[in-house]
């Protein structure tokens, strides 16, 4: 009877994930604000039902009462957190909030299946992260000096990266963590944010060639320190994010071309300098050639994904724990094996939905700093998802990057909460401005720029002036 329930549950989870994904994209096509909220309400119901079904399977399979208590604590969190956030900030993005909750649900399900100790620790970190980041949208909306703190962002980021380089702990060939008092942190998860804040602040201040060179040099210094620490996955995220911000700010493809050349040169140099890079590239090219050593992790990941097939083996029916550090870098493989390829694809599409919402927020912001900030954070998030899933599926060499909110890791969870709450803060700013102008939420995106551009002909449109278009934003 239990096996029958597990078999039915995996198809129910598959259907629920498909419905949730449908609501995720139907949200973007809905014309009225009421319709958008209705889809978000359906999402909330779907993720709570999915959560219940999965944990009922885990309880019946293990027969451990503590799983029921753990489920009760999570249920209380998933009911209270959205309620409190919406009560404090009526203009937050319900779509992003729901997606964060879904990622956390999937993470708790898989971590409980893999290691209950990890799952409990993750829950404590999630609750703390949700509480600590609660004021972030208020700060974004009320503190208007944020764009001017550029040197603080740069100094704090570089100091943290230098601390890791000098006294950090080495794991899996890279220096990534600082340990003190029994607590380990990965500062790069927080420097990602200061890096984007710094780049957006500098480029929104001036687009003169001298300022672009200074900004590029200081951003390159972040990347160089990361490369020296052998944290190449994070270095790649920083590099691509800055190139995107620079292109959006200037509109010049020459910077993208130069960036691509620099990336190719840096990749070739890293391959020659670092043995663990050569090992990962060799495992990516042919994991079966050294399946007992360098290719063991990726080979088992591919076995897990292939074994799961269309609908998955069902919770507690697979063997994802055979993949080394599966709860961190390779949790996507565990999801693919036990919850199926459909669920895994839906997860990718929901991540893309988050990115789309971030980019739309960037498009509808009036101030250049916030445009660059939202676009940079969206690129940072998308790159992290791409590197994680690409490495798990052998699309690219493994980089050791975690999947936001889903993978185990305190620094990753806190950094992800900060990133999403900064985006929520900009969404609040956007809709507060729309309300102040007497516009409704569904009208705002279409009319966002009409007031700012109605006197377009009066502005200097000389392409030789790189700062001319910034005047349109009132910066």
Protein backbone atom coordinates (compact mmCIF):
# COMPACT_ATOMS: atom_id res chain seq x y z
CA UNK A 1 0.00 0.00 0.00
CA UNK A 2 2.86 2.37 0.84
CA UNK A 3 4.55 1.70 -2.51
CA UNK A 4 1.29 2.52 -4.28
CA UNK A 5 1.01 5.81 -2.39
CA UNK A 6 4.60 6.71 -3.28
CA UNK A 7 3.92 5.89 -6.92
CA UNK A 8 0.78 8.06 -6.96
CA UNK A 9 2.52 10.87 -5.08
CA UNK A 10 5.27 11.28 -7.67
CA UNK A 11 2.68 11.90 -10.39
CA UNK A 12 0.79 14.30 -8.14
CA UNK A 13 3.99 16.25 -7.49
CA UNK A 14 4.70 16.29 -11.23
CA UNK A 15 1.22 17.66 -12.00
CA UNK A 16 1.45 20.26 -9.23
CA UNK A 17 4.84 21.48 -10.46
CA UNK A 18 3.45 21.77 -14.01
CA UNK A 19 0.43 23.76 -12.75
CA UNK A 20 2.63 26.02 -10.65
CA UNK A 21 4.86 26.71 -13.66
CA UNK A 22 1.81 27.47 -15.79
CA UNK A 23 0.64 30.04 -13.21
CA UNK A 24 4.17 31.46 -13.10
CA UNK A 25 4.13 32.39 -16.78
CA UNK A 26 0.42 33.12 -17.02
CA UNK A 27 1.13 35.86 -14.47
CA UNK A 28 3.17 37.77 -17.06
CA UNK A 29 0.43 37.64 -19.68
CA UNK A 30 -2.44 38.63 -17.38
CA UNK A 31 -3.75 42.10 -18.26
CA UNK A 32 -5.32 43.03 -14.92
CA UNK A 33 -3.75 43.22 -11.47
CA UNK A 34 -6.62 41.14 -10.05
CA UNK A 35 -5.85 38.32 -12.49
CA UNK A 36 -2.18 38.39 -11.53
CA UNK A 37 -3.07 38.10 -7.85
CA UNK A 38 -5.42 35.22 -8.58
CA UNK A 39 -2.60 33.25 -10.21
CA UNK A 40 -0.39 34.01 -7.22
CA UNK A 41 -3.09 32.72 -4.87
CA UNK A 42 -3.22 29.49 -6.86
CA UNK A 43 0.56 29.22 -6.59
CA UNK A 44 0.37 29.47 -2.80
CA UNK A 45 -2.19 26.68 -2.62
CA UNK A 46 -0.21 24.48 -5.01
CA UNK A 47 3.10 24.79 -3.15
CA UNK A 48 1.43 24.04 0.21
CA UNK A 49 -0.25 20.95 -1.25
CA UNK A 50 3.04 19.81 -2.82
CA UNK A 51 4.77 20.32 0.54
CA UNK A 52 2.15 18.23 2.34
CA UNK A 53 2.26 15.34 -0.15
CA UNK A 54 6.05 15.14 -0.12
CA UNK A 55 6.37 15.18 3.67
CA UNK A 56 3.59 12.62 4.07
CA UNK A 57 5.68 10.29 1.90
CA UNK A 58 8.79 11.01 3.98
CA UNK A 59 6.87 10.30 7.21
CA UNK A 60 5.25 7.07 6.02
CA UNK A 61 8.56 5.83 4.64
CA UNK A 62 10.65 6.61 7.74
CA UNK A 63 7.92 6.40 10.41
CA UNK A 64 9.78 9.07 12.40
CA UNK A 65 7.54 11.39 14.40
CA UNK A 66 10.12 14.18 14.34
CA UNK A 67 9.43 14.60 10.63
CA UNK A 68 5.86 15.59 11.54
CA UNK A 69 7.16 18.22 13.97
CA UNK A 70 9.59 19.46 11.35
CA UNK A 71 6.79 19.66 8.80
CA UNK A 72 4.67 21.64 11.28
CA UNK A 73 7.45 24.19 11.81
CA UNK A 74 7.90 24.61 8.08
CA UNK A 75 4.16 24.95 7.50
CA UNK A 76 4.01 27.70 10.12
CA UNK A 77 6.87 29.50 8.38
CA UNK A 78 5.30 29.22 4.90
CA UNK A 79 2.03 30.62 6.25
CA UNK A 80 3.48 33.42 8.37
CA UNK A 81 6.36 34.67 6.22
CA UNK A 82 4.28 35.61 3.12
CA UNK A 83 1.53 37.03 5.34
CA UNK A 84 3.91 39.28 7.30
CA UNK A 85 5.80 40.39 4.19
CA UNK A 86 2.63 41.30 2.29
CA UNK A 87 1.25 43.10 5.35
CA UNK A 88 4.38 45.25 5.75
CA UNK A 89 4.97 45.78 2.01
CA UNK A 90 1.70 45.66 0.03
CA UNK A 91 3.57 46.44 -3.20
CA UNK A 92 6.07 43.58 -3.18
CA UNK A 93 6.18 41.12 -6.06
CA UNK A 94 3.95 38.19 -5.07
CA UNK A 95 5.44 36.16 -7.89
CA UNK A 96 9.00 36.41 -6.54
CA UNK A 97 7.77 35.74 -3.00
CA UNK A 98 5.94 32.59 -4.09
CA UNK A 99 8.92 31.37 -6.09
CA UNK A 100 11.25 31.80 -3.11
CA UNK A 101 8.84 29.74 -1.01
CA UNK A 102 8.69 27.03 -3.70
CA UNK A 103 12.50 26.83 -3.90
CA UNK A 104 12.63 26.50 -0.11
CA UNK A 105 9.95 23.79 -0.18
CA UNK A 106 11.91 21.74 -2.73
CA UNK A 107 15.10 22.30 -0.75
CA UNK A 108 13.54 21.14 2.53
CA UNK A 109 12.02 18.08 0.85
CA UNK A 110 15.31 16.92 -0.64
CA UNK A 111 17.45 17.83 2.37
CA UNK A 112 15.08 15.98 4.72
CA UNK A 113 15.32 12.97 2.43
CA UNK A 114 19.14 13.20 2.32
CA UNK A 115 20.01 14.32 5.86
CA UNK A 116 17.56 15.42 8.53
CA UNK A 117 20.39 17.12 10.44
CA UNK A 118 21.21 19.26 7.40
CA UNK A 119 17.52 20.01 6.86
CA UNK A 120 17.01 21.20 10.46
CA UNK A 121 20.12 23.37 10.29
CA UNK A 122 18.95 24.81 6.98
CA UNK A 123 15.55 25.63 8.45
CA UNK A 124 17.11 27.61 11.31
CA UNK A 125 19.25 29.54 8.80
CA UNK A 126 16.23 30.20 6.55
CA UNK A 127 14.15 31.51 9.48
CA UNK A 128 17.02 33.74 10.59
CA UNK A 129 17.66 34.96 7.04
CA UNK A 130 13.99 35.77 6.49
CA UNK A 131 13.90 37.79 9.71
CA UNK A 132 17.21 39.61 9.19
CA UNK A 133 16.38 40.67 5.62
CA UNK A 134 12.85 41.83 6.43
CA UNK A 135 13.87 45.54 6.64
CA UNK A 136 15.70 45.53 3.27
CA UNK A 137 12.76 46.77 1.11
CA UNK A 138 12.10 49.54 3.63
CA UNK A 139 15.77 50.60 3.45
CA UNK A 140 15.69 50.53 -0.35
CA UNK A 141 12.55 52.67 -0.41
CA UNK A 142 13.45 55.20 2.29
CA UNK A 143 17.24 55.62 2.23
CA UNK A 144 18.04 57.68 -0.86
CA UNK A 145 21.78 57.92 -0.26
CA UNK A 146 22.37 54.30 -1.32
CA UNK A 147 23.80 55.15 -4.79
CA UNK A 148 26.43 57.38 -3.22
CA UNK A 149 28.04 54.72 -1.02
CA UNK A 150 30.13 53.36 -3.89
CA UNK A 151 33.47 53.40 -2.06
CA UNK A 152 31.95 51.62 0.93
CA UNK A 153 30.72 48.83 -1.37
CA UNK A 154 34.11 48.56 -3.04
CA UNK A 155 36.12 48.66 0.18
CA UNK A 156 33.96 46.14 2.05
CA UNK A 157 33.97 43.73 -0.89
CA UNK A 158 37.70 43.83 -1.45
CA UNK A 159 38.49 43.49 2.28
CA UNK A 160 36.30 40.38 2.57
CA UNK A 161 37.83 38.78 -0.51
CA UNK A 162 41.36 39.58 0.71
CA UNK A 163 40.55 38.06 4.10
CA UNK A 164 39.49 34.83 2.40
CA UNK A 165 42.62 34.84 0.24
CA UNK A 166 44.92 35.36 3.23
CA UNK A 167 43.35 33.28 6.01
CA UNK A 168 40.53 31.37 4.32
CA UNK A 169 39.96 27.63 4.51
CA UNK A 170 40.66 25.58 1.38
CA UNK A 171 38.05 23.05 0.28
CA UNK A 172 37.84 21.19 -3.03
CA UNK A 173 40.85 23.10 -4.35
CA UNK A 174 39.55 26.63 -3.63
CA UNK A 175 39.70 29.10 -0.77
CA UNK A 176 36.09 30.06 -0.14
CA UNK A 177 35.34 30.11 3.60
CA UNK A 178 36.25 32.01 6.73
CA UNK A 179 35.93 30.04 9.97
CA UNK A 180 35.68 31.55 13.45
CA UNK A 181 34.08 30.27 16.65
CA UNK A 182 32.82 27.13 14.93
CA UNK A 183 30.97 29.16 12.31
CA UNK A 184 31.91 29.06 8.62
CA UNK A 185 30.96 31.76 6.14
CA UNK A 186 31.52 32.21 2.43
CA UNK A 187 32.02 35.99 2.11
CA UNK A 188 31.81 35.84 -1.69
CA UNK A 189 28.05 35.22 -1.36
CA UNK A 190 27.71 38.72 0.14
CA UNK A 191 30.42 40.37 -1.94
CA UNK A 192 28.32 39.49 -5.01
CA UNK A 193 25.85 42.11 -3.83
CA UNK A 194 28.39 44.80 -2.93
CA UNK A 195 30.05 44.18 -6.32
CA UNK A 196 26.83 44.88 -8.23
CA UNK A 197 26.02 47.89 -6.02
CA UNK A 198 29.50 49.30 -6.68
CA UNK A 199 29.39 48.80 -10.46
CA UNK A 200 25.86 50.24 -10.74
CA UNK A 201 26.78 53.23 -8.58
CA UNK A 202 29.95 54.07 -10.52
CA UNK A 203 28.43 53.73 -13.99
CA UNK A 204 25.28 55.65 -13.08
CA UNK A 205 27.46 58.52 -11.84
CA UNK A 206 29.40 58.98 -15.07
CA UNK A 207 29.98 57.24 -18.38
CA UNK A 208 33.13 59.12 -19.23
CA UNK A 209 35.91 56.88 -20.49
CA UNK A 210 38.08 57.69 -17.47
CA UNK A 211 35.36 56.55 -15.04
CA UNK A 212 34.67 53.40 -17.06
CA UNK A 213 38.38 52.50 -16.92
CA UNK A 214 38.50 53.09 -13.14
CA UNK A 215 35.35 51.05 -12.55
CA UNK A 216 36.57 48.23 -14.78
CA UNK A 217 39.95 48.13 -13.01
CA UNK A 218 38.39 47.93 -9.54
CA UNK A 219 35.88 45.29 -10.65
CA UNK A 220 38.72 43.34 -12.29
CA UNK A 221 40.56 43.46 -8.95
CA UNK A 222 37.64 41.57 -7.36
CA UNK A 223 37.93 38.92 -10.07
CA UNK A 224 41.72 38.67 -9.76
CA UNK A 225 41.50 38.03 -6.00
CA UNK A 226 38.88 35.34 -6.59
CA UNK A 227 41.08 33.70 -9.22
CA UNK A 228 44.03 33.83 -6.82
CA UNK A 229 41.80 32.11 -4.25
CA UNK A 230 40.89 29.56 -6.98
CA UNK A 231 37.19 30.33 -6.58
CA UNK A 232 36.75 30.32 -10.35
CA UNK A 233 32.98 29.79 -10.44
CA UNK A 234 32.33 32.96 -8.44
CA UNK A 235 34.95 34.83 -10.47
CA UNK A 236 33.06 33.91 -13.65
CA UNK A 237 29.78 35.16 -12.16
CA UNK A 238 31.38 38.49 -11.25
CA UNK A 239 32.96 38.86 -14.68
CA UNK A 240 29.81 38.18 -16.71
CA UNK A 241 27.67 40.33 -14.42
CA UNK A 242 29.96 43.33 -14.85
CA UNK A 243 30.08 42.96 -18.64
CA UNK A 244 26.27 42.94 -18.75
CA UNK A 245 26.01 46.01 -16.50
CA UNK A 246 28.60 47.84 -18.59
CA UNK A 247 26.80 46.99 -21.84
CA UNK A 248 23.42 48.11 -20.49
CA UNK A 249 24.93 51.37 -19.23
CA UNK A 250 26.81 52.25 -22.42
CA UNK A 251 25.09 50.27 -25.19
CA UNK A 252 28.50 49.62 -26.79
CA UNK A 253 29.18 46.12 -28.11
CA UNK A 254 32.92 46.76 -28.11
CA UNK A 255 32.96 46.14 -24.36
CA UNK A 256 31.23 42.79 -24.83
CA UNK A 257 33.80 41.83 -27.49
CA UNK A 258 36.71 42.82 -25.25
CA UNK A 259 35.11 40.93 -22.38
CA UNK A 260 34.72 37.78 -24.45
CA UNK A 261 38.40 37.95 -25.44
CA UNK A 262 39.45 38.48 -21.82
CA UNK A 263 37.27 35.54 -20.74
CA UNK A 264 38.86 33.23 -23.31
CA UNK A 265 42.37 34.27 -22.25
CA UNK A 266 41.56 33.90 -18.54
CA UNK A 267 40.03 30.45 -19.11
CA UNK A 268 43.11 29.22 -20.95
CA UNK A 269 45.37 30.63 -18.22
CA UNK A 270 43.32 29.04 -15.41
CA UNK A 271 43.48 25.68 -17.19
CA UNK A 272 47.27 25.87 -17.26
CA UNK A 273 47.71 27.15 -13.70
CA UNK A 274 45.25 25.10 -11.63
CA UNK A 275 45.25 21.31 -11.46
CA UNK A 276 41.68 21.10 -10.12
CA UNK A 277 40.48 23.02 -13.19
CA UNK A 278 42.19 20.50 -15.47
CA UNK A 279 40.58 17.69 -13.46
CA UNK A 280 37.11 19.19 -13.83
CA UNK A 281 37.56 19.84 -17.54
CA UNK A 282 38.76 16.25 -18.04
CA UNK A 283 35.73 14.97 -16.11
CA UNK A 284 33.45 17.14 -18.21
CA UNK A 285 34.94 15.94 -21.49
CA UNK A 286 34.84 12.22 -20.61
CA UNK A 287 33.71 11.31 -17.08
CA UNK A 288 33.79 7.58 -17.95
CA UNK A 289 37.55 7.66 -18.57
CA UNK A 290 38.22 8.18 -14.84
CA UNK A 291 34.94 7.14 -13.26
CA UNK A 292 36.54 6.02 -9.99
CA UNK A 293 38.24 9.37 -9.34
CA UNK A 294 37.82 12.71 -11.13
CA UNK A 295 34.73 11.66 -13.09
CA UNK A 296 32.97 9.91 -10.19
CA UNK A 297 30.74 12.84 -9.18
CA UNK A 298 29.53 13.84 -12.62
CA UNK A 299 29.11 10.21 -13.71
CA UNK A 300 26.86 9.47 -10.72
CA UNK A 301 24.97 12.68 -11.39
CA UNK A 302 24.25 11.56 -14.95
CA UNK A 303 23.27 8.08 -13.71
CA UNK A 304 20.82 9.70 -11.25
CA UNK A 305 19.25 11.96 -13.88
CA UNK A 306 18.94 9.05 -16.32
CA UNK A 307 17.48 6.74 -13.69
CA UNK A 308 14.81 9.27 -12.72
CA UNK A 309 13.42 9.51 -16.23
CA UNK A 310 10.19 11.35 -16.97
CA UNK A 311 8.41 11.12 -13.58
CA UNK A 312 11.24 10.12 -11.22
CA UNK A 313 11.71 7.10 -9.01
CA UNK A 314 9.65 8.63 -6.20
CA UNK A 315 10.81 10.07 -2.89
CA UNK A 316 13.09 7.71 -0.91
CA UNK A 317 13.16 5.33 -3.90
CA UNK A 318 16.37 6.50 -5.56
CA UNK A 319 20.03 6.64 -4.54
CA UNK A 320 21.01 10.34 -4.74
CA UNK A 321 23.23 10.00 -1.67
CA UNK A 322 25.77 8.18 -3.86
CA UNK A 323 26.67 11.53 -5.41
CA UNK A 324 29.40 13.32 -3.40
CA UNK A 325 28.21 16.59 -1.74
CA UNK A 326 24.83 16.08 -3.39
CA UNK A 327 23.10 18.35 -0.88
CA UNK A 328 25.12 21.35 -2.12
CA UNK A 329 26.40 21.51 -5.70
CA UNK A 330 24.43 18.55 -7.09
CA UNK A 331 21.02 18.81 -5.46
CA UNK A 332 19.48 19.32 -8.92
CA UNK A 333 20.55 15.75 -9.76
CA UNK A 334 18.76 14.46 -6.65
CA UNK A 335 15.59 16.32 -7.66
CA UNK A 336 15.83 14.92 -11.20
CA UNK A 337 16.24 11.35 -9.94
CA UNK A 338 13.43 11.18 -7.38
CA UNK A 339 11.00 13.85 -8.59
CA UNK A 340 11.63 13.39 -12.32
CA UNK A 341 12.73 15.30 -15.40
CA UNK A 342 9.41 17.17 -15.66
CA UNK A 343 9.83 18.59 -12.16
CA UNK A 344 13.45 19.47 -12.91
CA UNK A 345 12.47 21.28 -16.13
CA UNK A 346 9.70 23.13 -14.30
CA UNK A 347 12.26 24.22 -11.71
CA UNK A 348 14.45 25.67 -14.49
CA UNK A 349 11.46 27.50 -15.99
CA UNK A 350 10.52 28.98 -12.61
CA UNK A 351 14.11 30.23 -12.21
CA UNK A 352 13.76 31.86 -15.63
CA UNK A 353 10.50 33.41 -14.44
CA UNK A 354 12.37 34.98 -11.52
CA UNK A 355 14.97 36.37 -13.91
CA UNK A 356 12.26 37.77 -16.18
CA UNK A 357 10.63 39.54 -13.23
CA UNK A 358 13.99 41.05 -12.24
CA UNK A 359 14.62 42.31 -15.77
CA UNK A 360 11.12 43.78 -16.00
CA UNK A 361 11.77 45.58 -12.72
CA UNK A 362 14.97 46.98 -14.23
CA UNK A 363 13.10 48.17 -17.33
CA UNK A 364 10.46 50.01 -15.34
CA UNK A 365 12.78 51.84 -12.92
CA UNK A 366 13.17 55.58 -13.60
CA UNK A 367 16.66 56.06 -12.14
CA UNK A 368 19.67 54.65 -13.96
CA UNK A 369 21.29 53.34 -10.77
CA UNK A 370 18.29 51.15 -10.02
CA UNK A 371 18.06 49.97 -13.62
CA UNK A 372 21.67 48.80 -13.53
CA UNK A 373 21.29 47.34 -10.05
CA UNK A 374 18.22 45.25 -10.94
CA UNK A 375 19.72 44.09 -14.24
CA UNK A 376 23.01 43.21 -12.52
CA UNK A 377 21.34 41.23 -9.74
CA UNK A 378 19.17 39.44 -12.30
CA UNK A 379 22.26 38.50 -14.33
CA UNK A 380 24.05 37.36 -11.18
CA UNK A 381 21.11 35.13 -10.26
CA UNK A 382 20.76 33.68 -13.75
CA UNK A 383 24.50 32.95 -13.97
CA UNK A 384 24.40 31.11 -10.64
CA UNK A 385 21.49 28.96 -11.79
CA UNK A 386 23.15 28.31 -15.15
CA UNK A 387 26.50 27.28 -13.65
CA UNK A 388 24.84 24.97 -11.10
CA UNK A 389 22.50 23.16 -13.48
CA UNK A 390 25.01 23.24 -16.35
CA UNK A 391 27.62 21.54 -14.19
CA UNK A 392 25.19 18.89 -12.91
CA UNK A 393 24.00 17.98 -16.42
CA UNK A 394 27.52 18.02 -17.96
CA UNK A 395 26.62 20.98 -20.16
CA UNK A 396 29.66 22.81 -18.77
CA UNK A 397 32.46 21.79 -16.37
CA UNK A 398 31.41 21.75 -12.71
CA UNK A 399 32.12 25.03 -10.91
CA UNK A 400 31.03 24.28 -7.34
CA UNK A 401 28.23 26.88 -7.37
CA UNK A 402 25.06 26.25 -5.34
CA UNK A 403 21.43 26.52 -6.48
CA UNK A 404 19.86 29.54 -4.69
CA UNK A 405 17.46 28.61 -1.84
CA UNK A 406 17.48 24.92 -2.83
CA UNK A 407 21.03 23.79 -2.03
CA UNK A 408 22.30 23.39 1.51
CA UNK A 409 24.47 26.23 2.79
CA UNK A 410 23.99 29.10 5.21
CA UNK A 411 25.93 31.75 3.30
CA UNK A 412 24.15 30.85 0.07
CA UNK A 413 20.72 31.14 1.69
CA UNK A 414 21.49 34.47 3.37
CA UNK A 415 23.01 35.89 0.19
CA UNK A 416 19.99 34.75 -1.83
CA UNK A 417 17.57 36.32 0.65
CA UNK A 418 19.46 39.62 0.42
CA UNK A 419 19.45 39.52 -3.39
CA UNK A 420 15.72 38.84 -3.67
CA UNK A 421 14.81 41.38 -0.98
CA UNK A 422 16.82 44.10 -2.76
CA UNK A 423 14.81 43.31 -5.91
CA UNK A 424 11.62 43.43 -3.83
CA UNK A 425 12.71 46.84 -2.54
CA UNK A 426 13.01 48.14 -6.09
CA UNK A 427 9.62 46.63 -6.94
CA UNK A 428 8.16 48.53 -3.97
CA UNK A 429 9.80 51.76 -5.19
CA UNK A 430 8.43 51.19 -8.69
CA UNK A 431 4.83 50.62 -7.59
CA UNK A 432 4.92 53.33 -4.92
CA UNK A 433 5.91 55.79 -7.64
CA UNK A 434 3.11 54.47 -9.83
CA UNK A 435 0.59 54.90 -6.99
CA UNK A 436 1.86 58.44 -6.38
CA UNK A 437 1.25 59.23 -10.07
CA UNK A 438 -2.27 57.84 -9.86
CA UNK A 439 -1.50 54.79 -12.02
CA UNK A 440 -2.64 51.26 -11.31
CA UNK A 441 -0.22 48.34 -11.11
CA UNK A 442 -1.26 46.88 -14.44
CA UNK A 443 -1.09 50.28 -16.19
CA UNK A 444 2.32 51.26 -14.86
CA UNK A 445 4.59 49.17 -17.08
CA UNK A 446 2.99 50.51 -20.26
CA UNK A 447 3.12 54.16 -19.18
CA UNK A 448 6.26 54.14 -17.07
CA UNK A 449 8.28 56.44 -19.22
CA UNK A 450 5.70 58.71 -20.78
CA UNK A 451 6.20 61.51 -18.25
CA UNK A 452 9.97 61.24 -18.38
CA UNK A 453 10.19 61.26 -22.18
CA UNK A 454 7.38 63.58 -23.19
CA UNK A 455 9.93 66.33 -23.88
CA UNK A 456 12.37 63.96 -25.58
CA UNK A 457 13.07 66.42 -28.40
CA UNK A 458 14.34 68.98 -25.91
CA UNK A 459 17.19 66.73 -24.78
CA UNK A 460 20.63 66.44 -26.27
CA UNK A 461 20.54 63.37 -28.52
CA UNK A 462 24.12 63.71 -29.75
CA UNK A 463 25.63 60.18 -29.81
CA UNK A 464 29.04 61.67 -29.11
CA UNK A 465 27.89 62.55 -25.60
CA UNK A 466 27.87 59.23 -23.68
CA UNK A 467 26.05 60.83 -20.75
CA UNK A 468 23.28 62.41 -22.80
CA UNK A 469 20.71 59.65 -22.38
CA UNK A 470 21.18 59.68 -18.62
CA UNK A 471 19.43 63.02 -18.55
CA UNK A 472 16.24 61.29 -19.60
CA UNK A 473 16.19 59.44 -16.28
CA UNK A 474 16.66 62.58 -14.27
CA UNK A 475 19.93 61.29 -12.81
